[in-house]
Amino acid sequence: MRLTDFWERMDAVFGPAYARSWAHDVVLPTLGRTAEEAIGDGVETKVIWRAVCQVTEVPAVLR
C-alpha cells in the first residue's frame, strides 16, 4: 500500500482534519507506537493500516 493510499483511507475513516491528529496521538498496541511514529520508522503502511483496523471500526470496503 502506498503512503497516499494509507492517508486516503485514514481521511475516509476519521475525516481529513482528525486523521492526522489521530495518527499522531493514538498508540497502536500491536506496534507499540503511533501510526505517525511507525511511518517514520519505516514500517510498511499495510502493516500500520491493519493495526488501525484492529483498534477502530473501519468499514469493510476499506479493509
C-alpha atoms as a PDB file:
ATOM      1  CA  MET A   1       0.000   0.000   0.000  1.00  0.00           C
ATOM      2  CA  ARG A   2       1.338   3.412  -0.930  1.00  0.00           C
ATOM      3  CA  LEU A   3       1.530   6.131   1.697  1.00  0.00           C
ATOM      4  CA  THR A   4      -1.019   8.198  -0.234  1.00  0.00           C
ATOM      5  CA  ASP A   5      -3.448   5.258  -0.126  1.00  0.00           C
ATOM      6  CA  PHE A   6      -2.947   4.981   3.616  1.00  0.00           C
ATOM      7  CA  TRP A   7      -3.783   8.667   4.156  1.00  0.00           C
ATOM      8  CA  GLU A   8      -6.795   8.456   1.834  1.00  0.00           C
ATOM      9  CA  ARG A   9      -8.161   5.597   3.934  1.00  0.00           C
ATOM     10  CA  MET A  10      -7.401   7.433   7.166  1.00  0.00           C
ATOM     11  CA  ASP A  11      -9.240  10.503   5.832  1.00  0.00           C
ATOM     12  CA  ALA A  12     -12.203   8.325   4.833  1.00  0.00           C
ATOM     13  CA  VAL A  13     -12.439   6.797   8.320  1.00  0.00           C
ATOM     14  CA  PHE A  14     -11.626   9.772  10.551  1.00  0.00           C
ATOM     15  CA  GLY A  15     -12.146  12.783   8.309  1.00  0.00           C
ATOM     16  CA  PRO A  16      -9.339  14.906   6.869  1.00  0.00           C
ATOM     17  CA  ALA A  17      -8.997  17.155   9.911  1.00  0.00           C
ATOM     18  CA  TYR A  18      -8.905  14.388  12.524  1.00  0.00           C
ATOM     19  CA  ALA A  19      -6.904  11.705  10.660  1.00  0.00           C
ATOM     20  CA  ARG A  20      -3.510  13.362  11.159  1.00  0.00           C
ATOM     21  CA  SER A  21      -4.236  14.124  14.798  1.00  0.00           C
ATOM     22  CA  TRP A  22      -5.354  10.549  15.435  1.00  0.00           C
ATOM     23  CA  ALA A  23      -2.229   9.185  13.724  1.00  0.00           C
ATOM     24  CA  HIS A  24      -0.100  11.464  15.897  1.00  0.00           C
ATOM     25  CA  ASP A  25      -1.774  10.753  19.243  1.00  0.00           C
ATOM     26  CA  VAL A  26      -3.074   7.165  19.354  1.00  0.00           C
ATOM     27  CA  VAL A  27      -0.615   4.390  20.206  1.00  0.00           C
ATOM     28  CA  LEU A  28      -1.378   1.230  18.244  1.00  0.00           C
ATOM     29  CA  PRO A  29      -0.987  -1.689  20.678  1.00  0.00           C
ATOM     30  CA  THR A  30       0.296  -4.170  18.105  1.00  0.00           C
ATOM     31  CA  LEU A  31       3.004  -1.736  17.006  1.00  0.00           C
ATOM     32  CA  GLY A  32       3.777  -0.118  20.356  1.00  0.00           C
ATOM     33  CA  ARG A  33       3.810   3.318  18.757  1.00  0.00           C
ATOM     34  CA  THR A  34       1.599   5.738  16.883  1.00  0.00           C
ATOM     35  CA  ALA A  35       0.899   5.444  13.170  1.00  0.00           C
ATOM     36  CA  GLU A  36       2.960   8.579  12.614  1.00  0.00           C
ATOM     37  CA  GLU A  37       5.921   7.105  14.510  1.00  0.00           C
ATOM     38  CA  ALA A  38       5.585   3.813  12.646  1.00  0.00           C
ATOM     39  CA  ILE A  39       5.656   5.627   9.302  1.00  0.00           C
ATOM     40  CA  GLY A  40       8.772   7.474  10.413  1.00  0.00           C
ATOM     41  CA  ASP A  41      10.377   4.203  11.481  1.00  0.00           C
ATOM     42  CA  GLY A  42       9.767   2.679   8.050  1.00  0.00           C
ATOM     43  CA  VAL A  43       7.037   0.213   8.987  1.00  0.00           C
ATOM     44  CA  GLU A  44       5.082  -0.851   5.903  1.00  0.00           C
ATOM     45  CA  THR A  45       1.873   1.132   5.574  1.00  0.00           C
ATOM     46  CA  LYS A  46      -0.200  -2.024   5.075  1.00  0.00           C
ATOM     47  CA  VAL A  47       1.011  -3.233   8.483  1.00  0.00           C
ATOM     48  CA  ILE A  48       0.096   0.109  10.035  1.00  0.00           C
ATOM     49  CA  TRP A  49      -3.305   0.061   8.347  1.00  0.00           C
ATOM     50  CA  ARG A  50      -4.033  -3.417   9.735  1.00  0.00           C
ATOM     51  CA  ALA A  51      -3.141  -2.130  13.202  1.00  0.00           C
ATOM     52  CA  VAL A  52      -5.513   0.818  12.733  1.00  0.00           C
ATOM     53  CA  CYS A  53      -8.278  -1.598  11.678  1.00  0.00           C
ATOM     54  CA  GLN A  54      -7.776  -3.602  14.872  1.00  0.00           C
ATOM     55  CA  VAL A  55      -8.456  -0.656  17.177  1.00  0.00           C
ATOM     56  CA  THR A  56     -11.247   1.144  15.350  1.00  0.00           C
ATOM     57  CA  GLU A  57     -14.338   0.322  13.336  1.00  0.00           C
ATOM     58  CA  VAL A  58     -13.243   0.535   9.725  1.00  0.00           C
ATOM     59  CA  PRO A  59     -15.858  -0.081   7.021  1.00  0.00           C
ATOM     60  CA  ALA A  60     -15.314  -3.423   5.321  1.00  0.00           C
ATOM     61  CA  VAL A  61     -14.846  -1.724   1.955  1.00  0.00           C
ATOM     62  CA  LEU A  62     -11.701  -0.015   3.299  1.00  0.00           C
ATOM     63  CA  ARG A  63     -10.124  -3.040   4.946  1.00  0.00           C
END
